[in-house]
Each structure stands twice: as C-alpha cells, then as structure tokens.
C-alpha cells in the first residue's frame, strides 16, 4: 500500500530536521571562515565566491529541483551566512556594526 499523507509528512519533517542540522553545521564553518578572513584582513563579502557557488548549485540541481529554484534557495542561505559572518567578525574585533 502506498504511504498516506501522514507518513509522507513525517518523512518531510525528518528531512527538514536534517536540513536544519546541516544548515547549522554550515554556519559553524562560516564562522570559522570569518575568523580566517579577519586574520588575513579579507572582506566578508566575496562576490566571486558567491557567484561560483550559485553556478555550482544550479548545475548540480537534480529534478524536480530546477537550477533557478536551487539558486534562489542558496541566495537566501548565502545572505544569511554573510550576515552571521559579519556579526561574528564584528564581535571578534570588538567594534560596533554599521547600522
């Protein structure tokens, strides 16, 4: 018998928990990158790296995920990652962030 809506939603919830856990792991790595960038005097924003990442994600998107959908999702992930990295680097340096 095919799974019902309840079982399908449980599977979705399980995947969602995995996604959240992986996002948290990614953000921990973002903080570590921020430490290295700060130590080398590099900017948080790296538009070349971001474009490269978006291109890779779009090319790697399997059906039914379209390249455009994957890119939009990762634009949000990058935006939030950059914000966290900036706040983290600012906190490390002991300066106040720009409003």
PDB file of N, CA and C in Angstrom:
ATOM      1  N   UNK A   1       0.838  -1.178   0.000  1.00  0.00           N
ATOM      2  CA  UNK A   1       0.000   0.000   0.000  1.00  0.00           C
ATOM      3  C   UNK A   1       0.887   1.247   0.000  1.00  0.00           C
ATOM      4  N   UNK A   2       0.499   2.232  -0.739  1.00  0.00           N
ATOM      5  CA  UNK A   2       1.250   3.485  -0.822  1.00  0.00           C
ATOM      6  C   UNK A   2       1.131   4.245   0.495  1.00  0.00           C
ATOM      7  N   UNK A   3       2.195   4.983   0.849  1.00  0.00           N
ATOM      8  CA  UNK A   3       2.128   5.755   2.095  1.00  0.00           C
ATOM      9  C   UNK A   3       1.056   6.838   2.004  1.00  0.00           C
ATOM     10  N   UNK A   4       0.427   7.097   3.150  1.00  0.00           N
ATOM     11  CA  UNK A   4      -0.588   8.133   3.214  1.00  0.00           C
ATOM     12  C   UNK A   4       0.044   9.482   3.501  1.00  0.00           C
ATOM     13  N   UNK A   5      -0.804  10.489   3.588  1.00  0.00           N
ATOM     14  CA  UNK A   5      -0.324  11.851   3.810  1.00  0.00           C
ATOM     15  C   UNK A   5       0.441  11.972   5.130  1.00  0.00           C
ATOM     16  N   UNK A   6      -0.004  11.265   6.167  1.00  0.00           N
ATOM     17  CA  UNK A   6       0.665  11.335   7.468  1.00  0.00           C
ATOM     18  C   UNK A   6       2.102  10.814   7.362  1.00  0.00           C
ATOM     19  N   UNK A   7       2.275   9.681   6.726  1.00  0.00           N
ATOM     20  CA  UNK A   7       3.615   9.105   6.578  1.00  0.00           C
ATOM     21  C   UNK A   7       4.511   9.988   5.701  1.00  0.00           C
ATOM     22  N   UNK A   8       3.939  10.534   4.659  1.00  0.00           N
ATOM     23  CA  UNK A   8       4.709  11.425   3.787  1.00  0.00           C
ATOM     24  C   UNK A   8       5.143  12.682   4.545  1.00  0.00           C
ATOM     25  N   UNK A   9       4.242  13.225   5.338  1.00  0.00           N
ATOM     26  CA  UNK A   9       4.585  14.414   6.122  1.00  0.00           C
ATOM     27  C   UNK A   9       5.625  14.101   7.186  1.00  0.00           C
ATOM     28  N   UNK A  10       5.577  12.914   7.774  1.00  0.00           N
ATOM     29  CA  UNK A  10       6.612  12.514   8.725  1.00  0.00           C
ATOM     30  C   UNK A  10       7.974  12.445   8.038  1.00  0.00           C
ATOM     31  N   UNK A  11       7.989  11.933   6.818  1.00  0.00           N
ATOM     32  CA  UNK A  11       9.234  11.873   6.052  1.00  0.00           C
ATOM     33  C   UNK A  11       9.744  13.273   5.734  1.00  0.00           C
ATOM     34  N   UNK A  12       8.843  14.166   5.372  1.00  0.00           N
ATOM     35  CA  UNK A  12       9.220  15.553   5.108  1.00  0.00           C
ATOM     36  C   UNK A  12       9.782  16.200   6.369  1.00  0.00           C
ATOM     37  N   UNK A  13       9.120  15.972   7.502  1.00  0.00           N
ATOM     38  CA  UNK A  13       9.601  16.527   8.775  1.00  0.00           C
ATOM     39  C   UNK A  13      10.995  16.017   9.110  1.00  0.00           C
ATOM     40  N   UNK A  14      11.235  14.745   8.859  1.00  0.00           N
ATOM     41  CA  UNK A  14      12.561  14.163   9.110  1.00  0.00           C
ATOM     42  C   UNK A  14      13.616  14.845   8.235  1.00  0.00           C
ATOM     43  N   UNK A  15      13.311  15.014   6.971  1.00  0.00           N
ATOM     44  CA  UNK A  15      14.236  15.689   6.048  1.00  0.00           C
ATOM     45  C   UNK A  15      14.448  17.135   6.478  1.00  0.00           C
ATOM     46  N   UNK A  16      13.392  17.812   6.891  1.00  0.00           N
ATOM     47  CA  UNK A  16      13.517  19.195   7.352  1.00  0.00           C
ATOM     48  C   UNK A  16      14.466  19.300   8.540  1.00  0.00           C
ATOM     49  N   UNK A  17      14.375  18.347   9.476  1.00  0.00           N
ATOM     50  CA  UNK A  17      15.299  18.348  10.618  1.00  0.00           C
ATOM     51  C   UNK A  17      16.739  18.150  10.158  1.00  0.00           C
ATOM     52  N   UNK A  18      16.937  17.303   9.161  1.00  0.00           N
ATOM     53  CA  UNK A  18      18.284  17.097   8.610  1.00  0.00           C
ATOM     54  C   UNK A  18      18.795  18.371   7.948  1.00  0.00           C
ATOM     55  N   UNK A  19      17.945  19.051   7.207  1.00  0.00           N
ATOM     56  CA  UNK A  19      18.331  20.292   6.542  1.00  0.00           C
ATOM     57  C   UNK A  19      18.741  21.337   7.579  1.00  0.00           C
ATOM     58  N   UNK A  20      17.954  21.467   8.645  1.00  0.00           N
ATOM     59  CA  UNK A  20      18.263  22.445   9.690  1.00  0.00           C
ATOM     60  C   UNK A  20      19.594  22.109  10.354  1.00  0.00           C
ATOM     61  N   UNK A  21      19.831  20.830  10.626  1.00  0.00           N
ATOM     62  CA  UNK A  21      21.098  20.413  11.236  1.00  0.00           C
ATOM     63  C   UNK A  21      22.265  20.737  10.308  1.00  0.00           C
ATOM     64  N   UNK A  22      22.108  20.459   9.021  1.00  0.00           N
ATOM     65  CA  UNK A  22      23.166  20.753   8.060  1.00  0.00           C
ATOM     66  C   UNK A  22      23.396  22.259   7.910  1.00  0.00           C
ATOM     67  N   UNK A  23      22.336  23.046   7.960  1.00  0.00           N
ATOM     68  CA  UNK A  23      22.496  24.496   7.905  1.00  0.00           C
ATOM     69  C   UNK A  23      23.275  24.997   9.117  1.00  0.00           C
ATOM     70  N   UNK A  24      22.989  24.437  10.282  1.00  0.00           N
ATOM     71  CA  UNK A  24      23.730  24.829  11.492  1.00  0.00           C
ATOM     72  C   UNK A  24      25.208  24.459  11.343  1.00  0.00           C
ATOM     73  N   UNK A  25      25.496  23.285  10.806  1.00  0.00           N
ATOM     74  CA  UNK A  25      26.894  22.886  10.566  1.00  0.00           C
ATOM     75  C   UNK A  25      27.559  23.846   9.586  1.00  0.00           C
ATOM     76  N   UNK A  26      26.827  24.212   8.546  1.00  0.00           N
ATOM     77  CA  UNK A  26      27.364  25.146   7.546  1.00  0.00           C
ATOM     78  C   UNK A  26      27.693  26.485   8.200  1.00  0.00           C
ATOM     79  N   UNK A  27      26.802  26.957   9.051  1.00  0.00           N
ATOM     80  CA  UNK A  27      27.015  28.249   9.702  1.00  0.00           C
ATOM     81  C   UNK A  27      28.199  28.218  10.660  1.00  0.00           C
ATOM     82  N   UNK A  28      28.442  27.096  11.303  1.00  0.00           N
ATOM     83  CA  UNK A  28      29.648  26.976  12.138  1.00  0.00           C
ATOM     84  C   UNK A  28      30.897  27.118  11.274  1.00  0.00           C
ATOM     85  N   UNK A  29      30.883  26.525  10.090  1.00  0.00           N
ATOM     86  CA  UNK A  29      32.020  26.658   9.171  1.00  0.00           C
ATOM     87  C   UNK A  29      32.160  28.098   8.682  1.00  0.00           C
ATOM     88  N   UNK A  30      31.032  28.763   8.448  1.00  0.00           N
ATOM     89  CA  UNK A  30      31.049  30.173   8.042  1.00  0.00           C
ATOM     90  C   UNK A  30      31.755  31.014   9.099  1.00  0.00           C
ATOM     91  N   UNK A  31      31.474  30.736  10.364  1.00  0.00           N
ATOM     92  CA  UNK A  31      32.137  31.476  11.441  1.00  0.00           C
ATOM     93  C   UNK A  31      33.650  31.240  11.404  1.00  0.00           C
ATOM     94  N   UNK A  32      34.055  30.020  11.138  1.00  0.00           N
ATOM     95  CA  UNK A  32      35.490  29.715  11.067  1.00  0.00           C
ATOM     96  C   UNK A  32      36.137  30.432   9.888  1.00  0.00           C
ATOM     97  N   UNK A  33      35.426  30.483   8.772  1.00  0.00           N
ATOM     98  CA  UNK A  33      35.925  31.234   7.611  1.00  0.00           C
ATOM     99  C   UNK A  33      36.065  32.708   7.991  1.00  0.00           C
ATOM    100  N   UNK A  34      35.096  33.227   8.731  1.00  0.00           N
ATOM    101  CA  UNK A  34      35.158  34.621   9.179  1.00  0.00           C
ATOM    102  C   UNK A  34      36.389  34.895  10.023  1.00  0.00           C
ATOM    103  N   UNK A  35      36.744  33.957  10.898  1.00  0.00           N
ATOM    104  CA  UNK A  35      37.957  34.114  11.709  1.00  0.00           C
ATOM    105  C   UNK A  35      39.198  34.205  10.814  1.00  0.00           C
ATOM    106  N   UNK A  36      39.254  33.343   9.819  1.00  0.00           N
ATOM    107  CA  UNK A  36      40.408  33.350   8.911  1.00  0.00           C
ATOM    108  C   UNK A  36      40.439  34.641   8.103  1.00  0.00           C
ATOM    109  N   UNK A  37      39.292  35.053   7.574  1.00  0.00           N
ATOM    110  CA  UNK A  37      39.236  36.298   6.807  1.00  0.00           C
ATOM    111  C   UNK A  37      39.680  37.476   7.668  1.00  0.00           C
ATOM    112  N   UNK A  38      39.208  37.511   8.903  1.00  0.00           N
ATOM    113  CA  UNK A  38      39.591  38.601   9.806  1.00  0.00           C
ATOM    114  C   UNK A  38      41.098  38.597  10.028  1.00  0.00           C
ATOM    115  N   UNK A  39      41.662  37.418  10.241  1.00  0.00           N
ATOM    116  CA  UNK A  39      43.095  37.299  10.468  1.00  0.00           C
ATOM    117  C   UNK A  39      43.941  37.722   9.277  1.00  0.00           C
ATOM    118  N   UNK A  40      43.363  37.599   8.081  1.00  0.00           N
ATOM    119  CA  UNK A  40      44.083  37.979   6.863  1.00  0.00           C
ATOM    120  C   UNK A  40      43.636  39.318   6.298  1.00  0.00           C
ATOM    121  N   UNK A  41      42.744  39.995   7.023  1.00  0.00           N
ATOM    122  CA  UNK A  41      42.276  41.303   6.575  1.00  0.00           C
ATOM    123  C   UNK A  41      41.401  41.255   5.333  1.00  0.00           C
ATOM    124  N   UNK A  42      40.685  40.148   5.141  1.00  0.00           N
ATOM    125  CA  UNK A  42      39.830  39.994   3.962  1.00  0.00           C
ATOM    126  C   UNK A  42      38.404  40.436   4.265  1.00  0.00           C
ATOM    127  N   UNK A  43      37.702  40.879   3.239  1.00  0.00           N
ATOM    128  CA  UNK A  43      36.306  41.279   3.374  1.00  0.00           C
ATOM    129  C   UNK A  43      35.418  40.056   3.573  1.00  0.00           C
ATOM    130  N   UNK A  44      34.339  40.248   4.312  1.00  0.00           N
ATOM    131  CA  UNK A  44      33.351  39.188   4.483  1.00  0.00           C
ATOM    132  C   UNK A  44      32.704  38.877   3.134  1.00  0.00           C
ATOM    133  N   UNK A  45      32.323  39.902   2.411  1.00  0.00           N
ATOM    134  CA  UNK A  45      31.637  39.713   1.127  1.00  0.00           C
ATOM    135  C   UNK A  45      32.640  39.361   0.040  1.00  0.00           C
ATOM    136  N   UNK A  46      32.424  38.214  -0.587  1.00  0.00           N
ATOM    137  CA  UNK A  46      33.277  37.755  -1.685  1.00  0.00           C
ATOM    138  C   UNK A  46      32.369  37.417  -2.871  1.00  0.00           C
ATOM    139  N   UNK A  47      32.051  38.426  -3.702  1.00  0.00           N
ATOM    140  CA  UNK A  47      31.085  38.207  -4.775  1.00  0.00           C
ATOM    141  C   UNK A  47      31.523  37.141  -5.785  1.00  0.00           C
ATOM    142  N   UNK A  48      32.810  36.982  -6.005  1.00  0.00           N
ATOM    143  CA  UNK A  48      33.287  35.959  -6.947  1.00  0.00           C
ATOM    144  C   UNK A  48      32.982  34.569  -6.392  1.00  0.00           C
ATOM    145  N   UNK A  49      33.263  34.365  -5.119  1.00  0.00           N
ATOM    146  CA  UNK A  49      32.972  33.079  -4.473  1.00  0.00           C
ATOM    147  C   UNK A  49      31.471  32.801  -4.485  1.00  0.00           C
ATOM    148  N   UNK A  50      30.674  33.823  -4.189  1.00  0.00           N
ATOM    149  CA  UNK A  50      29.229  33.639  -4.163  1.00  0.00           C
ATOM    150  C   UNK A  50      28.695  33.249  -5.542  1.00  0.00           C
ATOM    151  N   UNK A  51      29.161  33.928  -6.588  1.00  0.00           N
ATOM    152  CA  UNK A  51      28.699  33.604  -7.943  1.00  0.00           C
ATOM    153  C   UNK A  51      29.100  32.183  -8.328  1.00  0.00           C
ATOM    154  N   UNK A  52      30.331  31.800  -7.963  1.00  0.00           N
ATOM    155  CA  UNK A  52      30.815  30.458  -8.254  1.00  0.00           C
ATOM    156  C   UNK A  52      29.945  29.419  -7.546  1.00  0.00           C
ATOM    157  N   UNK A  53      29.613  29.670  -6.282  1.00  0.00           N
ATOM    158  CA  UNK A  53      28.771  28.755  -5.517  1.00  0.00           C
ATOM    159  C   UNK A  53      27.388  28.633  -6.157  1.00  0.00           C
ATOM    160  N   UNK A  54      26.796  29.759  -6.517  1.00  0.00           N
ATOM    161  CA  UNK A  54      25.472  29.729  -7.143  1.00  0.00           C
ATOM    162  C   UNK A  54      25.492  28.979  -8.468  1.00  0.00           C
ATOM    163  N   UNK A  55      26.540  29.166  -9.242  1.00  0.00           N
ATOM    164  CA  UNK A  55      26.674  28.438 -10.511  1.00  0.00           C
ATOM    165  C   UNK A  55      26.769  26.933 -10.268  1.00  0.00           C
ATOM    166  N   UNK A  56      27.575  26.536  -9.286  1.00  0.00           N
ATOM    167  CA  UNK A  56      27.736  25.114  -8.971  1.00  0.00           C
ATOM    168  C   UNK A  56      26.429  24.491  -8.495  1.00  0.00           C
ATOM    169  N   UNK A  57      25.718  25.208  -7.639  1.00  0.00           N
ATOM    170  CA  UNK A  57      24.450  24.709  -7.108  1.00  0.00           C
ATOM    171  C   UNK A  57      23.434  24.552  -8.237  1.00  0.00           C
ATOM    172  N   UNK A  58      23.354  25.542  -9.101  1.00  0.00           N
ATOM    173  CA  UNK A  58      22.404  25.476 -10.215  1.00  0.00           C
ATOM    174  C   UNK A  58      22.716  24.295 -11.129  1.00  0.00           C
ATOM    175  N   UNK A  59      23.987  24.072 -11.393  1.00  0.00           N
ATOM    176  CA  UNK A  59      24.379  22.959 -12.276  1.00  0.00           C
ATOM    177  C   UNK A  59      24.145  21.599 -11.624  1.00  0.00           C
ATOM    178  N   UNK A  60      24.202  21.542 -10.303  1.00  0.00           N
ATOM    179  CA  UNK A  60      24.072  20.276  -9.584  1.00  0.00           C
ATOM    180  C   UNK A  60      22.632  19.923  -9.232  1.00  0.00           C
ATOM    181  N   UNK A  61      21.699  20.816  -9.495  1.00  0.00           N
ATOM    182  CA  UNK A  61      20.308  20.625  -9.069  1.00  0.00           C
ATOM    183  C   UNK A  61      19.654  19.455  -9.814  1.00  0.00           C
ATOM    184  N   UNK A  62      19.250  18.415  -9.074  1.00  0.00           N
ATOM    185  CA  UNK A  62      18.551  17.295  -9.719  1.00  0.00           C
ATOM    186  C   UNK A  62      17.040  17.563  -9.771  1.00  0.00           C
ATOM    187  N   UNK A  63      16.367  16.952 -10.701  1.00  0.00           N
ATOM    188  CA  UNK A  63      14.903  17.052 -10.788  1.00  0.00           C
ATOM    189  C   UNK A  63      14.294  16.514  -9.502  1.00  0.00           C
ATOM    190  N   UNK A  64      13.222  17.056  -9.029  1.00  0.00           N
ATOM    191  CA  UNK A  64      12.424  18.130  -9.600  1.00  0.00           C
ATOM    192  C   UNK A  64      12.904  19.525  -9.211  1.00  0.00           C
ATOM    193  N   UNK A  65      14.075  19.622  -8.578  1.00  0.00           N
ATOM    194  CA  UNK A  65      14.647  20.923  -8.214  1.00  0.00           C
ATOM    195  C   UNK A  65      15.231  21.563  -9.469  1.00  0.00           C
ATOM    196  N   UNK A  66      14.689  22.710  -9.854  1.00  0.00           N
ATOM    197  CA  UNK A  66      15.212  23.386 -11.040  1.00  0.00           C
ATOM    198  C   UNK A  66      16.471  24.172 -10.664  1.00  0.00           C
ATOM    199  N   UNK A  67      17.335  24.439 -11.635  1.00  0.00           N
ATOM    200  CA  UNK A  67      18.514  25.262 -11.349  1.00  0.00           C
ATOM    201  C   UNK A  67      18.144  26.620 -10.762  1.00  0.00           C
ATOM    202  N   UNK A  68      17.079  27.225 -11.265  1.00  0.00           N
ATOM    203  CA  UNK A  68      16.655  28.531 -10.766  1.00  0.00           C
ATOM    204  C   UNK A  68      16.180  28.449  -9.311  1.00  0.00           C
ATOM    205  N   UNK A  69      15.459  27.384  -8.992  1.00  0.00           N
ATOM    206  CA  UNK A  69      14.980  27.211  -7.622  1.00  0.00           C
ATOM    207  C   UNK A  69      16.164  26.998  -6.681  1.00  0.00           C
ATOM    208  N   UNK A  70      17.102  26.169  -7.082  1.00  0.00           N
ATOM    209  CA  UNK A  70      18.288  25.924  -6.254  1.00  0.00           C
ATOM    210  C   UNK A  70      19.055  27.221  -6.029  1.00  0.00           C
ATOM    211  N   UNK A  71      19.175  28.020  -7.068  1.00  0.00           N
ATOM    212  CA  UNK A  71      19.891  29.287  -6.944  1.00  0.00           C
ATOM    213  C   UNK A  71      19.175  30.234  -5.985  1.00  0.00           C
ATOM    214  N   UNK A  72      17.848  30.322  -6.075  1.00  0.00           N
ATOM    215  CA  UNK A  72      17.097  31.201  -5.168  1.00  0.00           C
ATOM    216  C   UNK A  72      17.244  30.747  -3.711  1.00  0.00           C
ATOM    217  N   UNK A  73      17.185  29.449  -3.479  1.00  0.00           N
ATOM    218  CA  UNK A  73      17.343  28.929  -2.117  1.00  0.00           C
ATOM    219  C   UNK A  73      18.721  29.284  -1.586  1.00  0.00           C
ATOM    220  N   UNK A  74      19.743  29.088  -2.409  1.00  0.00           N
ATOM    221  CA  UNK A  74      21.093  29.361  -1.946  1.00  0.00           C
ATOM    222  C   UNK A  74      21.402  30.849  -1.859  1.00  0.00           C
ATOM    223  N   UNK A  75      20.705  31.677  -2.607  1.00  0.00           N
ATOM    224  CA  UNK A  75      20.859  33.120  -2.416  1.00  0.00           C
ATOM    225  C   UNK A  75      20.450  33.494  -0.995  1.00  0.00           C
ATOM    226  N   UNK A  76      19.380  32.903  -0.522  1.00  0.00           N
ATOM    227  CA  UNK A  76      18.929  33.154   0.853  1.00  0.00           C
ATOM    228  C   UNK A  76      19.946  32.612   1.856  1.00  0.00           C
ATOM    229  N   UNK A  77      20.446  31.403   1.636  1.00  0.00           N
ATOM    230  CA  UNK A  77      21.441  30.806   2.532  1.00  0.00           C
ATOM    231  C   UNK A  77      22.701  31.669   2.567  1.00  0.00           C
ATOM    232  N   UNK A  78      23.151  32.126   1.411  1.00  0.00           N
ATOM    233  CA  UNK A  78      24.340  32.981   1.341  1.00  0.00           C
ATOM    234  C   UNK A  78      24.099  34.294   2.073  1.00  0.00           C
ATOM    235  N   UNK A  79      22.951  34.895   1.861  1.00  0.00           N
ATOM    236  CA  UNK A  79      22.623  36.160   2.515  1.00  0.00           C
ATOM    237  C   UNK A  79      22.678  36.016   4.035  1.00  0.00           C
ATOM    238  N   UNK A  80      22.034  34.988   4.553  1.00  0.00           N
ATOM    239  CA  UNK A  80      22.013  34.770   5.996  1.00  0.00           C
ATOM    240  C   UNK A  80      23.400  34.397   6.513  1.00  0.00           C
ATOM    241  N   UNK A  81      24.151  33.637   5.734  1.00  0.00           N
ATOM    242  CA  UNK A  81      25.512  33.268   6.126  1.00  0.00           C
ATOM    243  C   UNK A  81      26.411  34.499   6.197  1.00  0.00           C
ATOM    244  N   UNK A  82      26.294  35.367   5.201  1.00  0.00           N
ATOM    245  CA  UNK A  82      27.101  36.589   5.182  1.00  0.00           C
ATOM    246  C   UNK A  82      26.755  37.486   6.368  1.00  0.00           C
ATOM    247  N   UNK A  83      25.457  37.587   6.681  1.00  0.00           N
ATOM    248  CA  UNK A  83      25.043  38.390   7.842  1.00  0.00           C
ATOM    249  C   UNK A  83      25.627  37.827   9.131  1.00  0.00           C
ATOM    250  N   UNK A  84      25.555  36.510   9.306  1.00  0.00           N
ATOM    251  CA  UNK A  84      26.122  35.889  10.500  1.00  0.00           C
ATOM    252  C   UNK A  84      27.631  36.110  10.554  1.00  0.00           C
ATOM    253  N   UNK A  85      28.297  35.899   9.439  1.00  0.00           N
ATOM    254  CA  UNK A  85      29.750  36.078   9.399  1.00  0.00           C
ATOM    255  C   UNK A  85      30.131  37.510   9.759  1.00  0.00           C
ATOM    256  N   UNK A  86      29.389  38.475   9.234  1.00  0.00           N
ATOM    257  CA  UNK A  86      29.688  39.876   9.528  1.00  0.00           C
ATOM    258  C   UNK A  86      29.493  40.178  11.014  1.00  0.00           C
ATOM    259  N   UNK A  87      28.396  39.700  11.574  1.00  0.00           N
ATOM    260  CA  UNK A  87      28.157  39.904  13.011  1.00  0.00           C
ATOM    261  C   UNK A  87      29.243  39.232  13.843  1.00  0.00           C
ATOM    262  N   UNK A  88      29.644  38.044  13.453  1.00  0.00           N
ATOM    263  CA  UNK A  88      30.655  37.287  14.181  1.00  0.00           C
ATOM    264  C   UNK A  88      32.007  37.985  14.113  1.00  0.00           C
ATOM    265  N   UNK A  89      32.400  38.408  12.926  1.00  0.00           N
ATOM    266  CA  UNK A  89      33.685  39.096  12.755  1.00  0.00           C
ATOM    267  C   UNK A  89      33.669  40.409  13.526  1.00  0.00           C
ATOM    268  N   UNK A  90      32.561  41.117  13.496  1.00  0.00           N
ATOM    269  CA  UNK A  90      32.435  42.374  14.239  1.00  0.00           C
ATOM    270  C   UNK A  90      32.574  42.119  15.739  1.00  0.00           C
ATOM    271  N   UNK A  91      31.937  41.066  16.222  1.00  0.00           N
ATOM    272  CA  UNK A  91      32.035  40.731  17.641  1.00  0.00           C
ATOM    273  C   UNK A  91      33.472  40.360  18.016  1.00  0.00           C
ATOM    274  N   UNK A  92      34.173  39.654  17.133  1.00  0.00           N
ATOM    275  CA  UNK A  92      35.569  39.281  17.405  1.00  0.00           C
ATOM    276  C   UNK A  92      36.469  40.508  17.494  1.00  0.00           C
ATOM    277  N   UNK A  93      36.162  41.496  16.652  1.00  0.00           N
ATOM    278  CA  UNK A  93      37.016  42.678  16.626  1.00  0.00           C
ATOM    279  C   UNK A  93      36.631  43.683  17.715  1.00  0.00           C
ATOM    280  N   UNK A  94      35.483  43.477  18.340  1.00  0.00           N
ATOM    281  CA  UNK A  94      35.063  44.362  19.416  1.00  0.00           C
ATOM    282  C   UNK A  94      34.569  45.716  18.952  1.00  0.00           C
ATOM    283  N   UNK A  95      34.232  45.821  17.669  1.00  0.00           N
ATOM    284  CA  UNK A  95      33.683  47.079  17.146  1.00  0.00           C
ATOM    285  C   UNK A  95      32.190  46.950  16.987  1.00  0.00           C
ATOM    286  N   UNK A  96      31.531  48.075  16.890  1.00  0.00           N
ATOM    287  CA  UNK A  96      30.102  48.081  16.678  1.00  0.00           C
ATOM    288  C   UNK A  96      29.818  47.959  15.185  1.00  0.00           C
ATOM    289  N   UNK A  97      28.798  47.147  14.817  1.00  0.00           N
ATOM    290  CA  UNK A  97      28.465  47.016  13.405  1.00  0.00           C
ATOM    291  C   UNK A  97      27.879  48.309  12.853  1.00  0.00           C
ATOM    292  N   UNK A  98      28.012  48.470  11.540  1.00  0.00           N
ATOM    293  CA  UNK A  98      27.402  49.636  10.882  1.00  0.00           C
ATOM    294  C   UNK A  98      25.900  49.454  10.874  1.00  0.00           C
ATOM    295  N   UNK A  99      25.146  50.545  11.099  1.00  0.00           N
ATOM    296  CA  UNK A  99      23.663  50.418  11.108  1.00  0.00           C
ATOM    297  C   UNK A  99      23.126  50.117   9.733  1.00  0.00           C
TER     298      UNK A  99
END
